[in-house]
């Protein structure tokens, strides 16, 4: 009996301590990483006045100033000028374009171009018929891929588990998307946990297959 109780207390302690410890570790790593971006410069040239954390404050100020600059006419011209230079360098062009496109999607900057909201969660038949995977809608497929289908084709991202930062980009006809009553937050929790986290309302919307008609 005592052995069972001790085991239960130990497991309960793990369930309480590990998430807290993990959160603190992630925040600490994030703090050190962000602070070092500009903190190393401050510590080198202003060692007497440097205090840990000033690098983050300076980084926030630089980002804010950059946003302020990019919203006025002259600032937009400066940004466009440097973008033009970056677009001329082969390797840099690919990296810059990819990162900028990801930021545009995450900040919904392409909504006026018909891009779908990233917050939409769907089910698709993947990797084969009869098996289903959670997917995130990232936009409307442009160009040649759209032209080969009579149906509207949608970009969907299928994250892997337990690491949703990697996954598959699929081009799926809109009629084959199965809407689910699940938020992106719930979907990500389910993927991170490998299915151990179960959302409160996971069922698909609609009867039968749940496909949009």
Protein backbone atom coordinates (compact mmCIF):
# COMPACT_ATOMS: atom_id res chain seq x y z
CA UNK A 1 0.00 0.00 0.00
CA UNK A 2 2.81 2.37 0.94
CA UNK A 3 4.65 1.48 -2.27
CA UNK A 4 1.56 2.26 -4.37
CA UNK A 5 1.08 5.60 -2.59
CA UNK A 6 4.72 6.59 -3.05
CA UNK A 7 4.53 5.71 -6.75
CA UNK A 8 1.33 7.74 -7.15
CA UNK A 9 2.86 10.74 -5.37
CA UNK A 10 5.99 10.53 -7.52
CA UNK A 11 4.00 10.38 -10.78
CA UNK A 12 1.76 13.24 -9.63
CA UNK A 13 4.86 15.26 -8.77
CA UNK A 14 6.27 14.63 -12.24
CA UNK A 15 3.02 15.74 -13.87
CA UNK A 16 3.14 18.97 -11.86
CA UNK A 17 6.87 19.77 -11.95
CA UNK A 18 7.85 18.77 -15.50
CA UNK A 19 5.48 21.20 -17.33
CA UNK A 20 6.56 24.04 -15.01
CA UNK A 21 10.24 23.19 -15.43
CA UNK A 22 9.84 22.88 -19.19
CA UNK A 23 8.09 26.25 -19.41
CA UNK A 24 10.81 27.95 -17.34
CA UNK A 25 13.52 26.31 -19.47
CA UNK A 26 11.91 27.44 -22.74
CA UNK A 27 11.42 31.00 -21.44
CA UNK A 28 14.99 31.11 -20.15
CA UNK A 29 16.37 29.91 -23.49
CA UNK A 30 14.19 32.40 -25.37
CA UNK A 31 15.29 35.23 -23.07
CA UNK A 32 18.99 34.41 -23.45
CA UNK A 33 18.70 34.04 -27.24
CA UNK A 34 16.80 37.30 -27.78
CA UNK A 35 18.92 39.24 -25.30
CA UNK A 36 22.15 38.09 -26.95
CA UNK A 37 21.11 39.44 -30.37
CA UNK A 38 21.87 43.01 -29.28
CA UNK A 39 22.99 42.41 -25.70
CA UNK A 40 26.44 41.23 -26.84
CA UNK A 41 26.91 44.58 -28.59
CA UNK A 42 25.84 46.53 -25.50
CA UNK A 43 28.01 44.45 -23.19
CA UNK A 44 31.05 44.94 -25.44
CA UNK A 45 30.81 48.70 -25.91
CA UNK A 46 29.00 49.68 -22.69
CA UNK A 47 30.19 47.11 -20.13
CA UNK A 48 29.74 49.41 -17.14
CA UNK A 49 26.11 50.21 -17.94
CA UNK A 50 24.97 46.90 -19.37
CA UNK A 51 22.28 44.99 -17.47
CA UNK A 52 20.93 41.60 -18.67
CA UNK A 53 17.64 42.23 -20.45
CA UNK A 54 18.66 45.49 -22.10
CA UNK A 55 19.28 43.60 -25.33
CA UNK A 56 15.60 42.59 -25.46
CA UNK A 57 14.46 46.15 -24.77
CA UNK A 58 16.72 47.46 -27.54
CA UNK A 59 15.48 44.73 -29.91
CA UNK A 60 11.85 45.70 -29.21
CA UNK A 61 12.74 49.35 -29.85
CA UNK A 62 14.46 48.48 -33.15
CA UNK A 63 11.46 46.40 -34.30
CA UNK A 64 9.04 49.18 -33.33
CA UNK A 65 11.14 51.80 -35.12
CA UNK A 66 11.37 49.55 -38.18
CA UNK A 67 7.58 49.18 -38.26
CA UNK A 68 7.15 52.93 -37.83
CA UNK A 69 9.60 53.60 -40.63
CA UNK A 70 7.97 51.08 -42.99
CA UNK A 71 4.51 52.67 -42.62
CA UNK A 72 5.41 56.06 -44.10
CA UNK A 73 6.12 56.92 -47.72
CA UNK A 74 9.88 57.40 -47.42
CA UNK A 75 10.24 54.29 -45.25
CA UNK A 76 8.39 52.15 -47.80
CA UNK A 77 10.73 53.38 -50.51
CA UNK A 78 13.76 52.47 -48.39
CA UNK A 79 12.34 49.00 -47.66
CA UNK A 80 11.51 48.47 -51.34
CA UNK A 81 15.05 49.54 -52.29
CA UNK A 82 16.67 47.00 -49.96
CA UNK A 83 14.19 44.30 -51.00
CA UNK A 84 15.20 44.93 -54.59
CA UNK A 85 18.86 44.42 -53.69
CA UNK A 86 18.11 41.20 -51.78
CA UNK A 87 16.08 39.90 -54.73
CA UNK A 88 19.15 40.19 -56.95
CA UNK A 89 21.30 37.83 -54.85
CA UNK A 90 20.45 34.19 -55.77
CA UNK A 91 20.92 32.45 -52.40
CA UNK A 92 19.75 35.39 -50.30
CA UNK A 93 16.70 35.85 -52.54
CA UNK A 94 15.40 32.34 -51.80
CA UNK A 95 15.88 32.65 -48.04
CA UNK A 96 14.40 36.15 -47.83
CA UNK A 97 11.38 35.35 -50.02
CA UNK A 98 10.56 32.21 -48.04
CA UNK A 99 10.76 33.94 -44.64
CA UNK A 100 8.80 36.97 -45.87
CA UNK A 101 6.05 34.76 -47.31
CA UNK A 102 5.75 32.89 -44.00
CA UNK A 103 5.48 36.17 -42.08
CA UNK A 104 2.84 37.45 -44.52
CA UNK A 105 0.75 34.32 -43.95
CA UNK A 106 1.09 34.44 -40.16
CA UNK A 107 0.17 38.14 -40.06
CA UNK A 108 -2.62 37.76 -42.67
CA UNK A 109 -0.97 40.37 -44.91
CA UNK A 110 -2.19 38.60 -48.07
CA UNK A 111 -5.89 38.63 -47.22
CA UNK A 112 -6.54 41.14 -50.01
CA UNK A 113 -5.00 38.66 -52.48
CA UNK A 114 -7.45 35.91 -51.59
CA UNK A 115 -5.33 34.00 -49.10
CA UNK A 116 -7.37 31.93 -46.67
CA UNK A 117 -6.98 32.33 -42.92
CA UNK A 118 -4.34 30.17 -41.31
CA UNK A 119 -6.69 29.58 -38.35
CA UNK A 120 -8.85 27.10 -40.29
CA UNK A 121 -8.47 23.45 -39.33
CA UNK A 122 -9.69 20.67 -41.63
CA UNK A 123 -9.47 16.91 -42.10
CA UNK A 124 -8.17 15.38 -45.32
CA UNK A 125 -7.72 11.80 -46.47
CA UNK A 126 -3.98 11.30 -45.96
CA UNK A 127 -1.67 9.47 -46.50
CA UNK A 128 -4.11 7.15 -48.28
CA UNK A 129 -7.83 6.66 -48.79
CA UNK A 130 -9.62 5.71 -45.59
CA UNK A 131 -7.04 7.38 -43.32
CA UNK A 132 -7.39 10.97 -42.14
CA UNK A 133 -5.03 13.70 -40.97
CA UNK A 134 -5.50 17.12 -39.43
CA UNK A 135 -4.42 19.94 -41.74
CA UNK A 136 -4.21 23.73 -41.62
CA UNK A 137 -5.47 25.81 -44.54
CA UNK A 138 -2.75 28.26 -45.59
CA UNK A 139 -4.15 29.78 -48.76
CA UNK A 140 -5.67 29.40 -52.19
CA UNK A 141 -3.43 27.60 -54.68
CA UNK A 142 -2.33 29.96 -57.46
CA UNK A 143 -1.23 29.48 -61.04
CA UNK A 144 -0.67 26.22 -62.86
CA UNK A 145 -1.81 23.89 -60.07
CA UNK A 146 -5.15 25.72 -59.89
CA UNK A 147 -5.58 25.59 -63.65
CA UNK A 148 -5.39 21.78 -63.91
CA UNK A 149 -8.45 21.26 -61.70
CA UNK A 150 -12.08 22.14 -62.32
CA UNK A 151 -12.49 22.51 -58.54
CA UNK A 152 -11.04 25.28 -56.41
CA UNK A 153 -7.68 24.05 -55.08
CA UNK A 154 -6.54 24.95 -51.56
CA UNK A 155 -3.08 24.90 -49.97
CA UNK A 156 -3.09 22.81 -46.79
CA UNK A 157 -0.24 22.13 -44.40
CA UNK A 158 -0.18 18.71 -42.73
CA UNK A 159 2.07 18.92 -39.63
CA UNK A 160 3.92 15.90 -38.31
CA UNK A 161 3.64 14.70 -34.71
CA UNK A 162 5.09 15.41 -32.18
CA UNK A 163 6.99 18.13 -34.10
CA UNK A 164 4.42 20.24 -35.99
CA UNK A 165 7.12 22.57 -37.33
CA UNK A 166 7.80 19.98 -40.05
CA UNK A 167 5.16 18.58 -42.35
CA UNK A 168 3.75 18.37 -45.86
CA UNK A 169 2.34 20.99 -48.21
CA UNK A 170 -0.57 19.52 -50.19
CA UNK A 171 -2.80 20.99 -52.89
CA UNK A 172 -6.30 19.68 -52.21
CA UNK A 173 -9.61 20.34 -54.04
CA UNK A 174 -11.84 22.35 -51.72
CA UNK A 175 -14.64 19.79 -52.02
CA UNK A 176 -12.37 17.19 -50.38
CA UNK A 177 -11.73 19.27 -47.25
CA UNK A 178 -13.67 18.08 -44.21
CA UNK A 179 -14.31 20.97 -41.79
CA UNK A 180 -13.89 20.25 -38.08
CA UNK A 181 -15.06 22.20 -35.06
CA UNK A 182 -11.52 22.64 -33.70
CA UNK A 183 -9.29 25.66 -33.17
CA UNK A 184 -5.66 25.83 -34.30
CA UNK A 185 -4.62 25.82 -30.64
CA UNK A 186 -6.50 22.56 -30.00
CA UNK A 187 -5.12 20.99 -33.18
CA UNK A 188 -1.54 21.89 -32.25
CA UNK A 189 -1.98 20.49 -28.73
CA UNK A 190 -3.28 17.25 -30.21
CA UNK A 191 -0.29 17.03 -32.58
CA UNK A 192 2.27 17.88 -29.88
CA UNK A 193 0.83 15.18 -27.61
CA UNK A 194 0.66 12.53 -30.32
CA UNK A 195 -3.11 12.28 -29.86
CA UNK A 196 -3.06 12.03 -26.05
CA UNK A 197 -4.74 15.44 -25.82
CA UNK A 198 -8.35 15.15 -26.99
CA UNK A 199 -10.20 18.38 -27.89
CA UNK A 200 -13.63 18.82 -26.32
CA UNK A 201 -15.45 19.09 -29.66
CA UNK A 202 -13.45 17.09 -32.23
CA UNK A 203 -16.30 15.93 -34.47
CA UNK A 204 -16.65 17.00 -38.08
CA UNK A 205 -19.34 19.44 -39.15
CA UNK A 206 -22.14 17.93 -41.22
CA UNK A 207 -23.57 14.49 -41.71
CA UNK A 208 -22.09 11.54 -43.56
CA UNK A 209 -18.57 12.30 -44.76
CA UNK A 210 -18.83 15.87 -43.57
CA UNK A 211 -17.58 17.12 -46.94
CA UNK A 212 -18.61 20.50 -48.20
CA UNK A 213 -21.19 20.40 -50.93
